[in-house]
Amino acid sequence: MAACKRHNDALVCFEKVLTVNPSNTNALYQKGLALSSLSQDSAALHCFDKILSLNPSNVDALYQKARVFMSSSKYHDALDLLDKITTIDNNHLLATFAKAVIFEELGYYEEALKHLGQILEKSPDHIDSIFHKGKILYNIKKFDTAISCFDSVLESKCNHLGSLCYKAKALYGLGMFQDSIAYANRALVLDAKDLESMYTKSLALIKTGKYDDALSCLQQIQHIREWYRDTGYYLGTCMMHKNKFEQALVIFEQFLKKRPTHTECILHKGIILSHLDKYEESIACFDAVLNKDPDNTLALSHKGNALYKLGEYENAYQCFNKIKTAESDVEILVTKADVLSVMGRHDESLKIFDQILQTDPGNLTALKNKALLLANIGNHSDSLEIANKVLQIQKNDYEVLLSKARILQILGKHGEALTIFDQLTLFAEDPSVLFDKSKSLLLLGKVSDALEALGAAVQIEPGYKQIAAKDPIFARLALNPQFKAVFA
């Protein structure tokens, strides 16, 4: 308000001068500056044009007129004026710098660097030129050399906000997330509401797994300026990482109302919908991504998984086949092998597991899934051998332990099977484990213990009454009062 009053008071003075002498170039120039400061661009231009009508080579008027054009993003008009200045005065540093800034803004980075180089050749310590050179190098992903520029500025001016902010961004680009946070914090000491520093800090916090801190930072940004850049998308991903899928979904849907074509947000919305077992809706999201980017690995992979969950095995298999990196991605190969297994194409499935294990013999996922597949197709000896390898590395793997116990049960090794069933009941009250345990106990002659385990299974899942009633192992107990009590 005070500055506005000073400019208005000054305008009164300039008007008095111009009333006496309408061609007073100094009064016209100062009036133009005051009007420009008040954002009265049209009136400011009128003043500078009047000066130029009197003297077309007035460099100061040309420069200020160019600045007005720059402030309203009329960059080509500004460049025409700046070219006139540098034609008149090839050493006009401000005009050369303004041209560099315009080229930077338009994305003509080579041209911008050329003009900044001309300035730095004559004035090596020109801070603004060094800073803008760093910004351009950052934009073309030359993060190391960009940081050198920002360090050069900070040596002369340790509190240069722009250099602190952009160094944080460049460090983030190099994957140095902790250092990025440190420089963003230094910038925020100077300006607690600097949105770009807050934004960079938020992204770095996400990369370091500090989701609560990232959420707090992103929420501060939202409070200052709602939906700044991709803030909404990252708010959603933080919620996603915290397994708050419903909240994440709401945020993604709000963000997509503002940015309906944001590919990453559509993709992650699809992933959340899959987590929530809404597979048809998730596939619609993945298809929207694949319409723009048919080779998107994540979209193909997650679409394949969703189709697999829906029982559309052939379509799921075709999806995985479209992934160009599938042959080098173990997770995708394992899922592809699982799909083939469900389709009854066991030999092809085993071939994929062998392919993985040939290059990575200790791959636990491949070993585990191969062991489970071999058990399902009745190759018990090979399955046991592989299961034992897995359990040497990961002794409490529930699925592998359960598979091993059932194989031992099939092979009549009920004592060994029972030891594993007892171990499994410590992890969870799984009715299928209790039921299998009851069968082994019965076959070992421990009738009372067997019926106790069966009763526990039926209590959790009543359907085991019908399963036990039809199982020949339990048929011999038809007249046993304790057995009858289970079915009461």
Protein backbone atom coordinates (compact mmCIF):
# COMPACT_ATOMS: atom_id res chain seq x y z
CA MET A 1 0.00 0.00 0.00
CA ALA A 2 2.82 2.41 0.94
CA ALA A 3 4.68 1.71 -2.33
CA CYS A 4 1.46 2.21 -4.30
CA LYS A 5 0.92 5.59 -2.61
CA ARG A 6 4.52 6.65 -3.40
CA HIS A 7 4.04 5.80 -7.08
CA ASN A 8 0.73 7.69 -7.23
CA ASP A 9 2.30 10.72 -5.52
CA ALA A 10 5.17 10.59 -8.02
CA LEU A 11 2.71 10.45 -10.92
CA VAL A 12 1.14 13.72 -9.72
CA CYS A 13 4.57 15.37 -9.85
CA PHE A 14 5.37 14.01 -13.32
CA GLU A 15 1.99 15.24 -14.61
CA LYS A 16 2.79 18.75 -13.39
CA VAL A 17 6.10 18.67 -15.27
CA LEU A 18 4.46 17.31 -18.42
CA THR A 19 1.73 19.96 -18.27
CA VAL A 20 4.48 22.55 -18.67
CA ASN A 21 6.54 20.49 -21.15
CA PRO A 22 4.75 17.48 -22.75
CA SER A 23 8.00 16.42 -24.46
CA ASN A 24 10.09 16.16 -21.29
CA THR A 25 11.61 12.70 -21.90
CA ASN A 26 12.86 12.26 -18.33
CA ALA A 27 9.37 12.94 -16.90
CA LEU A 28 7.79 10.64 -19.51
CA TYR A 29 10.33 7.93 -18.67
CA GLN A 30 9.80 8.17 -14.89
CA LYS A 31 6.02 8.28 -15.38
CA GLY A 32 6.25 5.12 -17.52
CA LEU A 33 8.27 3.37 -14.81
CA ALA A 34 5.73 4.34 -12.12
CA LEU A 35 2.79 3.19 -14.25
CA SER A 36 4.59 -0.09 -15.00
CA SER A 37 5.14 -0.64 -11.25
CA LEU A 38 1.39 -0.15 -10.77
CA SER A 39 0.75 -2.76 -13.52
CA GLN A 40 -0.85 -0.11 -15.74
CA ASP A 41 0.89 -1.51 -18.79
CA SER A 42 -1.11 0.23 -21.48
CA ALA A 43 -0.51 3.67 -19.96
CA ALA A 44 3.18 2.83 -19.39
CA LEU A 45 3.60 1.82 -23.05
CA HIS A 46 2.00 5.11 -24.12
CA CYS A 47 4.75 7.00 -22.22
CA PHE A 48 7.58 4.94 -23.72
CA ASP A 49 6.07 5.21 -27.21
CA LYS A 50 5.92 9.00 -26.87
CA ILE A 51 9.63 9.04 -26.00
CA LEU A 52 10.39 6.81 -29.02
CA SER A 53 8.38 9.08 -31.30
CA LEU A 54 10.77 11.84 -30.27
CA ASN A 55 13.88 9.60 -30.38
CA PRO A 56 13.49 6.11 -31.94
CA SER A 57 16.97 5.13 -30.66
CA ASN A 58 16.30 5.86 -26.99
CA VAL A 59 17.74 2.66 -25.52
CA ASP A 60 16.21 3.11 -22.06
CA ALA A 61 12.69 3.52 -23.47
CA LEU A 62 13.18 0.53 -25.80
CA TYR A 63 14.34 -1.60 -22.85
CA GLN A 64 11.48 -0.60 -20.55
CA LYS A 65 8.94 -1.17 -23.31
CA ALA A 66 10.47 -4.64 -23.85
CA ARG A 67 10.12 -5.33 -20.11
CA VAL A 68 6.42 -4.44 -20.23
CA PHE A 69 5.98 -6.87 -23.12
CA MET A 70 7.87 -9.54 -21.16
CA SER A 71 5.63 -9.09 -18.12
CA SER A 72 2.59 -9.83 -20.30
CA SER A 73 4.36 -12.79 -22.04
CA LYS A 74 4.56 -10.99 -25.41
CA TYR A 75 8.01 -12.46 -25.90
CA HIS A 76 8.37 -12.04 -29.66
CA ASP A 77 7.45 -8.34 -29.46
CA ALA A 78 9.96 -7.97 -26.62
CA LEU A 79 12.68 -9.72 -28.66
CA ASP A 80 12.18 -7.32 -31.58
CA LEU A 81 12.83 -4.38 -29.24
CA LEU A 82 15.80 -6.04 -27.55
CA ASP A 83 17.35 -6.77 -30.97
CA LYS A 84 17.07 -3.04 -31.77
CA ILE A 85 18.92 -2.26 -28.52
CA THR A 86 21.77 -4.69 -29.16
CA THR A 87 22.07 -3.37 -32.72
CA ILE A 88 22.52 0.13 -31.27
CA ASP A 89 24.70 -1.03 -28.35
CA ASN A 90 26.22 -4.49 -28.68
CA ASN A 91 27.45 -4.31 -25.06
CA HIS A 92 24.04 -3.61 -23.50
CA LEU A 93 24.19 -6.25 -20.74
CA LEU A 94 20.57 -5.89 -19.57
CA ALA A 95 19.17 -6.35 -23.08
CA THR A 96 21.38 -9.41 -23.71
CA PHE A 97 20.32 -10.88 -20.36
CA ALA A 98 16.63 -10.19 -21.09
CA LYS A 99 16.99 -11.99 -24.44
CA ALA A 100 18.55 -14.97 -22.65
CA VAL A 101 15.64 -15.09 -20.17
CA ILE A 102 13.09 -14.99 -23.01
CA PHE A 103 14.84 -17.80 -24.91
CA GLU A 104 14.93 -19.80 -21.67
CA GLU A 105 11.21 -19.20 -21.14
CA LEU A 106 10.45 -20.29 -24.72
CA GLY A 107 12.57 -23.45 -24.32
CA TYR A 108 15.28 -22.38 -26.76
CA TYR A 109 18.02 -23.42 -24.35
CA GLU A 110 21.00 -23.37 -26.73
CA GLU A 111 20.20 -19.80 -27.77
CA ALA A 112 19.72 -18.78 -24.14
CA LEU A 113 23.07 -20.33 -23.14
CA LYS A 114 24.78 -18.53 -26.02
CA HIS A 115 23.55 -15.14 -24.77
CA LEU A 116 24.43 -15.95 -21.14
CA GLY A 117 27.90 -17.02 -22.35
CA GLN A 118 28.35 -13.58 -24.00
CA ILE A 119 27.57 -11.90 -20.67
CA LEU A 120 29.79 -14.18 -18.58
CA GLU A 121 32.67 -13.71 -21.03
CA LYS A 122 32.64 -10.01 -20.17
CA SER A 123 31.34 -10.27 -16.57
CA PRO A 124 32.29 -13.71 -15.13
CA ASP A 125 30.71 -12.88 -11.75
CA HIS A 126 27.30 -11.84 -13.07
CA ILE A 127 25.16 -13.72 -10.52
CA ASP A 128 21.86 -13.62 -12.42
CA SER A 129 23.50 -15.05 -15.54
CA ILE A 130 25.22 -17.84 -13.57
CA PHE A 131 21.91 -18.68 -11.87
CA HIS A 132 19.94 -18.80 -15.14
CA LYS A 133 22.68 -20.89 -16.75
CA GLY A 134 22.23 -23.34 -13.85
CA LYS A 135 18.47 -23.38 -14.34
CA ILE A 136 18.84 -24.19 -18.04
CA LEU A 137 21.36 -26.95 -17.30
CA TYR A 138 18.88 -28.34 -14.75
CA ASN A 139 16.10 -28.26 -17.36
CA ILE A 140 18.22 -30.29 -19.80
CA LYS A 141 19.03 -32.73 -16.95
CA LYS A 142 22.72 -31.84 -16.65
CA PHE A 143 22.35 -31.89 -12.88
CA ASP A 144 26.06 -32.00 -11.92
CA THR A 145 27.01 -28.95 -13.99
CA ALA A 146 23.85 -27.15 -12.86
CA ILE A 147 24.88 -27.68 -9.23
CA SER A 148 28.29 -26.16 -10.02
CA CYS A 149 26.51 -22.99 -11.17
CA PHE A 150 24.31 -22.84 -8.07
CA ASP A 151 27.36 -23.40 -5.83
CA SER A 152 29.14 -20.55 -7.62
CA VAL A 153 26.19 -18.24 -6.85
CA LEU A 154 25.98 -19.42 -3.23
CA GLU A 155 29.69 -18.72 -2.70
CA SER A 156 28.97 -15.05 -3.45
CA LYS A 157 25.48 -14.91 -1.98
CA CYS A 158 24.82 -17.71 0.52
CA ASN A 159 21.13 -16.77 0.89
CA HIS A 160 20.26 -16.80 -2.81
CA LEU A 161 16.79 -18.36 -2.63
CA GLY A 162 16.62 -19.45 -6.26
CA SER A 163 19.98 -21.26 -6.13
CA LEU A 164 19.07 -23.06 -2.89
CA CYS A 165 15.74 -24.15 -4.37
CA TYR A 166 17.19 -25.30 -7.70
CA LYS A 167 20.14 -27.04 -6.07
CA ALA A 168 17.58 -29.03 -4.04
CA LYS A 169 15.82 -29.91 -7.32
CA ALA A 170 19.09 -30.92 -9.03
CA LEU A 171 20.12 -33.08 -6.05
CA TYR A 172 16.71 -34.76 -6.27
CA GLY A 173 17.39 -35.40 -9.97
CA LEU A 174 20.65 -37.14 -8.99
CA GLY A 175 18.83 -39.33 -6.46
CA MET A 176 20.51 -37.58 -3.49
CA PHE A 177 17.26 -37.23 -1.59
CA GLN A 178 18.57 -36.44 1.91
CA ASP A 179 20.80 -33.66 0.53
CA SER A 180 17.84 -32.39 -1.51
CA ILE A 181 15.75 -32.12 1.66
CA ALA A 182 18.58 -30.25 3.42
CA TYR A 183 18.81 -27.59 0.68
CA ALA A 184 15.04 -27.28 0.41
CA ASN A 185 14.99 -26.64 4.17
CA ARG A 186 17.63 -23.91 3.77
CA ALA A 187 15.45 -22.26 1.12
CA LEU A 188 12.39 -22.50 3.39
CA VAL A 189 14.26 -20.74 6.20
CA LEU A 190 14.47 -17.74 3.85
CA ASP A 191 10.88 -18.08 2.62
CA ALA A 192 8.64 -20.49 4.53
CA LYS A 193 6.04 -20.32 1.75
CA ASP A 194 8.29 -20.98 -1.23
CA LEU A 195 6.10 -23.49 -3.06
CA GLU A 196 8.77 -25.00 -5.29
CA SER A 197 11.08 -25.74 -2.34
CA MET A 198 8.18 -27.27 -0.41
CA TYR A 199 7.22 -29.34 -3.46
CA THR A 200 10.77 -30.66 -3.99
CA LYS A 201 11.06 -31.47 -0.29
CA SER A 202 7.76 -33.40 -0.44
CA LEU A 203 8.94 -35.54 -3.37
CA ALA A 204 12.26 -36.27 -1.66
CA LEU A 205 10.46 -37.25 1.56
CA ILE A 206 8.32 -39.70 -0.45
CA LYS A 207 11.47 -41.20 -1.98
CA THR A 208 12.93 -41.73 1.51
CA GLY A 209 9.73 -43.39 2.73
CA LYS A 210 8.77 -40.57 5.12
CA TYR A 211 5.15 -40.52 4.03
CA ASP A 212 3.72 -38.70 7.08
CA ASP A 213 6.24 -35.85 6.71
CA ALA A 214 5.56 -35.73 2.97
CA LEU A 215 1.80 -35.58 3.59
CA SER A 216 2.24 -32.69 6.02
CA CYS A 217 4.36 -30.79 3.48
CA LEU A 218 1.94 -31.43 0.60
CA GLN A 219 -1.02 -30.34 2.74
CA GLN A 220 0.79 -27.06 3.49
CA ILE A 221 1.20 -26.51 -0.26
CA GLN A 222 -2.52 -27.22 -0.80
CA HIS A 223 -3.35 -24.65 1.88
CA ILE A 224 -1.26 -21.97 0.13
CA ARG A 225 -2.23 -22.86 -3.45
CA GLU A 226 -4.67 -25.66 -4.12
CA TRP A 227 -3.61 -28.25 -6.72
CA TYR A 228 -0.15 -26.69 -7.22
CA ARG A 229 1.57 -28.74 -9.93
CA ASP A 230 1.09 -32.48 -9.14
CA THR A 231 0.44 -32.00 -5.42
CA GLY A 232 -2.89 -33.86 -5.56
CA TYR A 233 -1.32 -36.85 -7.29
CA TYR A 234 1.45 -37.11 -4.69
CA LEU A 235 -1.03 -36.73 -1.83
CA GLY A 236 -2.81 -39.76 -3.25
CA THR A 237 0.40 -41.78 -3.64
CA CYS A 238 1.32 -41.05 0.01
CA MET A 239 -2.06 -42.40 1.12
CA MET A 240 -1.50 -45.39 -1.15
CA HIS A 241 1.89 -46.13 0.46
CA LYS A 242 0.18 -45.97 3.87
CA ASN A 243 -2.37 -48.56 2.61
CA LYS A 244 -5.19 -46.03 2.94
CA PHE A 245 -6.62 -47.04 -0.41
CA GLU A 246 -10.12 -45.56 -0.07
CA GLN A 247 -8.71 -42.14 0.88
CA ALA A 248 -6.15 -42.32 -1.92
CA LEU A 249 -8.90 -43.13 -4.41
CA VAL A 250 -10.94 -40.06 -3.36
CA ILE A 251 -7.87 -37.79 -3.78
CA PHE A 252 -7.00 -39.25 -7.19
CA GLU A 253 -10.58 -38.74 -8.40
CA GLN A 254 -10.56 -35.11 -7.18
CA PHE A 255 -7.21 -34.52 -8.90
CA LEU A 256 -8.41 -36.08 -12.16
CA LYS A 257 -11.32 -33.63 -12.27
CA LYS A 258 -8.64 -30.91 -12.57
CA ARG A 259 -6.19 -32.93 -14.67
CA PRO A 260 -8.23 -35.61 -16.50
CA THR A 261 -5.36 -36.72 -18.74
CA HIS A 262 -2.72 -37.21 -16.01
CA THR A 263 -1.43 -40.66 -17.04
CA GLU A 264 0.36 -41.55 -13.79
CA CYS A 265 -2.70 -40.67 -11.73
CA ILE A 266 -4.99 -42.79 -13.96
CA LEU A 267 -2.50 -45.68 -13.67
CA HIS A 268 -2.33 -45.47 -9.86
CA LYS A 269 -6.09 -45.13 -9.61
CA GLY A 270 -6.26 -48.44 -11.49
CA ILE A 271 -3.76 -50.04 -9.10
CA ILE A 272 -5.85 -48.93 -6.11
CA LEU A 273 -9.05 -50.27 -7.67
CA SER A 274 -7.28 -53.63 -8.08
CA HIS A 275 -6.32 -53.53 -4.39
CA LEU A 276 -9.99 -52.97 -3.62
CA ASP A 277 -10.94 -55.98 -5.82
CA LYS A 278 -12.69 -53.71 -8.35
CA TYR A 279 -10.98 -55.40 -11.27
CA GLU A 280 -13.30 -54.32 -14.13
CA GLU A 281 -12.93 -50.64 -13.12
CA SER A 282 -9.17 -51.04 -12.74
CA ILE A 283 -8.90 -52.53 -16.25
CA ALA A 284 -10.74 -49.48 -17.64
CA CYS A 285 -8.01 -47.28 -16.09
CA PHE A 286 -5.20 -49.43 -17.48
CA ASP A 287 -6.83 -49.35 -20.94
CA ALA A 288 -6.99 -45.53 -20.77
CA VAL A 289 -3.23 -45.48 -20.13
CA LEU A 290 -2.51 -48.06 -22.85
CA ASN A 291 -4.52 -46.07 -25.41
CA LYS A 292 -1.87 -43.33 -25.04
CA ASP A 293 1.12 -45.54 -24.33
CA PRO A 294 0.62 -49.12 -25.65
CA ASP A 295 3.98 -50.26 -24.26
CA ASN A 296 3.46 -49.01 -20.69
CA THR A 297 4.94 -51.87 -18.65
CA LEU A 298 3.12 -51.11 -15.39
CA ALA A 299 -0.27 -50.80 -17.10
CA LEU A 300 0.22 -54.08 -19.00
CA SER A 301 1.46 -55.87 -15.89
CA HIS A 302 -1.37 -54.67 -13.64
CA LYS A 303 -3.97 -55.27 -16.35
CA GLY A 304 -2.63 -58.81 -16.70
CA ASN A 305 -2.94 -59.35 -12.93
CA ALA A 306 -6.51 -57.98 -12.93
CA LEU A 307 -7.51 -60.28 -15.79
CA TYR A 308 -5.88 -63.19 -13.93
CA LYS A 309 -7.99 -62.40 -10.84
CA LEU A 310 -11.12 -62.36 -13.04
CA GLY A 311 -10.23 -65.81 -14.39
CA GLU A 312 -9.54 -64.48 -17.89
CA TYR A 313 -6.30 -66.44 -18.11
CA GLU A 314 -5.73 -66.34 -21.88
CA ASN A 315 -6.21 -62.55 -21.98
CA ALA A 316 -3.94 -62.18 -18.95
CA TYR A 317 -1.27 -64.29 -20.66
CA GLN A 318 -1.51 -62.17 -23.84
CA CYS A 319 -1.12 -59.03 -21.72
CA PHE A 320 2.11 -60.30 -20.15
CA ASN A 321 3.39 -61.31 -23.59
CA LYS A 322 3.11 -57.68 -24.77
CA ILE A 323 5.56 -56.48 -22.10
CA LYS A 324 8.84 -55.80 -23.89
CA THR A 325 10.94 -56.15 -20.73
CA ALA A 326 9.20 -59.37 -19.63
CA GLU A 327 12.18 -61.61 -20.39
CA SER A 328 14.34 -59.70 -17.89
CA ASP A 329 11.67 -58.97 -15.27
CA VAL A 330 11.49 -61.85 -12.78
CA GLU A 331 8.23 -60.70 -11.18
CA ILE A 332 6.47 -60.61 -14.57
CA LEU A 333 7.98 -63.97 -15.60
CA VAL A 334 6.77 -65.60 -12.36
CA THR A 335 3.24 -64.23 -12.82
CA LYS A 336 3.28 -65.40 -16.46
CA ALA A 337 4.33 -68.87 -15.31
CA ASP A 338 1.53 -68.91 -12.70
CA VAL A 339 -1.02 -68.04 -15.41
CA LEU A 340 0.28 -70.87 -17.62
CA SER A 341 0.04 -73.23 -14.66
CA VAL A 342 -3.60 -72.33 -14.01
CA MET A 343 -4.28 -72.85 -17.73
CA GLY A 344 -2.87 -76.38 -17.38
CA ARG A 345 0.24 -75.58 -19.44
CA HIS A 346 2.54 -76.94 -16.75
CA ASP A 347 5.54 -77.72 -18.98
CA GLU A 348 5.65 -74.14 -20.27
CA SER A 349 5.32 -72.85 -16.72
CA LEU A 350 8.18 -75.03 -15.47
CA LYS A 351 10.29 -73.91 -18.43
CA ILE A 352 9.92 -70.27 -17.32
CA PHE A 353 10.93 -71.12 -13.73
CA ASP A 354 13.97 -72.99 -15.05
CA GLN A 355 14.82 -69.97 -17.25
CA ILE A 356 14.84 -67.73 -14.18
CA LEU A 357 16.82 -70.19 -12.07
CA GLN A 358 19.41 -70.68 -14.79
CA THR A 359 20.51 -67.04 -14.44
CA ASP A 360 19.62 -66.69 -10.74
CA PRO A 361 19.78 -70.11 -9.00
CA GLY A 362 18.89 -68.66 -5.62
CA ASN A 363 15.79 -66.75 -6.70
CA LEU A 364 13.37 -67.49 -3.88
CA THR A 365 10.20 -66.55 -5.74
CA ALA A 366 10.99 -68.86 -8.65
CA LEU A 367 12.07 -71.70 -6.34
CA LYS A 368 8.97 -71.36 -4.20
CA ASN A 369 6.52 -71.23 -7.11
CA LYS A 370 8.25 -74.11 -8.87
CA ALA A 371 8.00 -76.21 -5.70
CA LEU A 372 4.27 -75.40 -5.37
CA LEU A 373 3.63 -76.24 -9.03
CA LEU A 374 5.49 -79.56 -8.81
CA ALA A 375 3.43 -80.43 -5.72
CA ASN A 376 0.20 -79.64 -7.59
CA ILE A 377 1.10 -81.91 -10.51
CA GLY A 378 2.16 -84.75 -8.20
CA ASN A 379 5.95 -84.56 -8.58
CA HIS A 380 6.42 -84.86 -4.83
CA SER A 381 10.10 -85.79 -4.59
CA ASP A 382 11.32 -82.83 -6.72
CA SER A 383 8.88 -80.51 -4.95
CA LEU A 384 10.21 -81.57 -1.52
CA GLU A 385 13.79 -81.09 -2.64
CA ILE A 386 13.12 -77.52 -3.81
CA ALA A 387 10.91 -76.75 -0.79
CA ASN A 388 13.78 -77.69 1.52
CA LYS A 389 16.09 -75.30 -0.38
CA VAL A 390 13.58 -72.48 0.11
CA LEU A 391 13.14 -73.25 3.81
CA GLN A 392 16.90 -73.19 4.39
CA ILE A 393 16.81 -69.52 3.35
CA GLN A 394 13.30 -68.58 4.52
CA LYS A 395 12.41 -71.06 7.24
CA ASN A 396 8.97 -69.65 8.06
CA ASP A 397 7.52 -69.38 4.53
CA TYR A 398 3.90 -70.32 5.20
CA GLU A 399 2.97 -71.49 1.71
CA VAL A 400 6.05 -73.66 1.29
CA LEU A 401 5.71 -75.17 4.78
CA LEU A 402 2.05 -76.00 4.09
CA SER A 403 2.91 -77.56 0.71
CA LYS A 404 5.72 -79.62 2.30
CA ALA A 405 3.43 -80.84 5.10
CA ARG A 406 0.77 -81.96 2.61
CA ILE A 407 3.35 -83.79 0.48
CA LEU A 408 4.66 -85.57 3.59
CA GLN A 409 1.05 -86.45 4.44
CA ILE A 410 0.52 -87.91 0.94
CA LEU A 411 3.77 -89.89 1.33
CA GLY A 412 2.45 -91.28 4.64
CA LYS A 413 5.03 -89.43 6.76
CA HIS A 414 2.41 -88.20 9.22
CA GLY A 415 4.77 -87.58 12.13
CA GLU A 416 6.89 -85.16 10.07
CA ALA A 417 3.75 -83.60 8.59
CA LEU A 418 2.28 -83.12 12.06
CA THR A 419 5.38 -81.25 13.26
CA ILE A 420 4.91 -78.75 10.42
CA PHE A 421 1.13 -78.46 10.98
CA ASP A 422 1.82 -77.62 14.64
CA GLN A 423 4.31 -74.96 13.49
CA LEU A 424 1.76 -73.48 11.09
CA THR A 425 -0.96 -73.20 13.75
CA LEU A 426 1.35 -70.80 15.63
CA PHE A 427 1.16 -68.37 12.67
CA ALA A 428 -2.61 -68.32 12.14
CA GLU A 429 -5.84 -70.23 12.80
CA ASP A 430 -6.20 -71.64 9.31
CA PRO A 431 -9.11 -74.15 9.18
CA SER A 432 -7.50 -76.03 6.26
CA VAL A 433 -4.34 -76.58 8.35
CA LEU A 434 -6.40 -77.75 11.35
CA PHE A 435 -8.35 -80.13 9.09
CA ASP A 436 -5.18 -81.64 7.58
CA LYS A 437 -3.64 -81.85 11.04
CA SER A 438 -6.70 -83.79 12.27
CA LYS A 439 -6.25 -86.34 9.43
CA SER A 440 -2.59 -86.96 10.30
CA LEU A 441 -3.44 -87.30 14.01
CA LEU A 442 -6.18 -89.80 13.19
CA LEU A 443 -3.83 -91.84 11.00
CA LEU A 444 -1.34 -91.87 13.86
CA GLY A 445 -4.06 -93.26 16.12
CA LYS A 446 -4.49 -90.10 18.18
CA VAL A 447 -8.28 -90.06 17.85
CA SER A 448 -9.09 -87.62 20.65
CA ASP A 449 -6.49 -85.07 19.46
CA ALA A 450 -7.69 -85.55 15.87
CA LEU A 451 -11.30 -84.80 16.79
CA GLU A 452 -10.25 -81.78 18.82
CA ALA A 453 -8.41 -80.35 15.76
CA LEU A 454 -11.38 -81.18 13.52
CA GLY A 455 -13.73 -79.41 15.93
CA ALA A 456 -11.52 -76.30 15.85
CA ALA A 457 -11.57 -76.33 12.02
CA VAL A 458 -15.39 -76.66 11.95
CA GLN A 459 -15.76 -73.84 14.48
CA ILE A 460 -13.85 -71.47 12.16
CA GLU A 461 -15.35 -72.79 8.91
CA PRO A 462 -18.56 -74.88 9.29
CA GLY A 463 -18.16 -76.19 5.73
CA TYR A 464 -15.58 -78.67 7.02
CA LYS A 465 -18.45 -80.71 8.50
CA GLN A 466 -19.50 -81.78 5.00
CA ILE A 467 -15.88 -82.31 3.90
CA ALA A 468 -15.17 -84.56 6.90
CA ALA A 469 -18.44 -86.46 6.45
CA LYS A 470 -17.38 -87.43 2.89
CA ASP A 471 -13.70 -88.12 3.70
CA PRO A 472 -12.98 -91.89 3.87
CA ILE A 473 -10.35 -91.30 6.59
CA PHE A 474 -13.07 -90.13 8.96
CA ALA A 475 -15.61 -92.80 7.87
CA ARG A 476 -14.28 -95.22 10.53
CA LEU A 477 -15.38 -92.75 13.23
CA ALA A 478 -19.02 -92.62 12.17
CA LEU A 479 -20.18 -94.16 15.48
CA ASN A 480 -17.70 -92.27 17.70
CA PRO A 481 -19.66 -90.02 20.16
CA GLN A 482 -16.95 -87.31 20.04
CA PHE A 483 -17.09 -87.35 16.21
CA LYS A 484 -20.89 -87.05 16.33
CA ALA A 485 -20.51 -84.09 18.71
CA VAL A 486 -18.58 -82.21 16.04
CA PHE A 487 -21.68 -82.43 13.80
CA ALA A 488 -24.18 -81.53 16.53
